[in-house]
Amino acid sequence: MEIQVIGNVEASSTIGVKAQVGGQILSVGFNSGSNVKKGDLLFLIDPRPFEAQLRQAEGNVAKSRAQLGQAQATLQRDLASAKYAHEQAERYASLYKEGIVSKDQADQYASNADSTSQAVNADRAAIESAKADLEAQQATAENIRVQLGYTKIFSPIDGRAGDLLIHPGNVVSANGSDLTTINQVEPIDVSFSVPEARLDEVKRYMAAGKLSVTVVPQDVVQEPEVGVLDFIDNTVDTSTGTIKLKATFPNSDRRLWPGQFVRATLLLTMMPHSVVVPNQAVQTGQDGSYVFVVKADKSVESRPVRTGERVGQELVIESGLQPGETVVTEGQLRLAPGIKVIVRNDTGGRAASIDGGAG
């Protein structure tokens, strides 16, 4: 059982290549329409302005690091001074209690101890400020380093490049127009739509296993490409009463191309031992479908049949025929039950083309 429709080939991934920094294009590493690999250098933007900015930023980092070191050294010095000042203040306070020194002398050493404590607090604040400045300078340097990396534009995927839209010597801006596009064609996708009435059976057979899809370019006689159905859209198109499906194909020989129209066949299930006849063998009368069957004595009889799925140029006969019986495929208008015929172009019993003269 299968569904035949017209499909459209789509790149499995399409990348618009843009510059992330501004500057002059120095060189291009590919030709229009050529194949590219992931990681290939596509464009080189003049890196010299960013290199100069990076050297300046790295100098600022070194300066901030030195200032941090100086602030830390000052703190160690003032901690030692504060420790000595507090010891002196405690000693003179004790001497004042014993009446050996005056109150002014004791107060003077206590005030000196308080001053050194304030200096230590200021040193700690200076260290925090120096650390914040160092982190800011490091972030600035890292940002410039990232921008410098953006001067080399690499291919993000394997694919085929489109037209070269910007040539060497031109100046580009960050996130401006596309420089080129890259289509991933290995693997490649084919999208097609089926009537919504077939949706339930598609989902049912897909739940049981992967469904095969074969495609052939229109008006081309060649071996079909075989892929796998891997996508069912989440919405039925109410304007057409269809739902979009998509299949993926290896496309290793690149016979399928984005934008190409193809004849797609979705195989839902196999029907072994089915009886099939050419489409033209089945006639329609007042009582339904029928075929003319050729009997052993070369006479014909009209046989009612129940038809099933259409498979290419053939119809599945669900009942009314037995395997090996011969049916008439042309000249039926000249026939009536009992007329003998001369069989020609016998296909081995499944279907025959006959001359409708009496025998």
Foldseek 3Di string as FASTA:
>chain_A
DKDKDKWFWAFPDKDQAFFQAWAFWAAADDAAFAWDAFFAFGTAGDLVVLVVVLVVLVVQLVVLVVQLVVLVVQLVVLVVVLVVLVVVLVVVVVCVVVVNDDPVVSVVSVVSNVVSVVVNVVSVVSNVVSVVSSVVSVVSSVVSVVSSVSSTGGHRHTFTKHHQPDHGGDIHHRPDGGRTMGGHVQKIKIKDKDAPVCVVLQVVLVVVHWWKKWKDFPPDDDDTFIWTWDDWDPDQDPVVRITMTMTIGRCPVVPDDGRTMIIMMIDRDDDPPWQKAFPQQWDADPVGIWGWWQDPVQFTAIWHFDWDDDDPRMITTPDGDDPQIETERDDCVLHDGGFGWDWDPDPRRRYTHTDRHGD
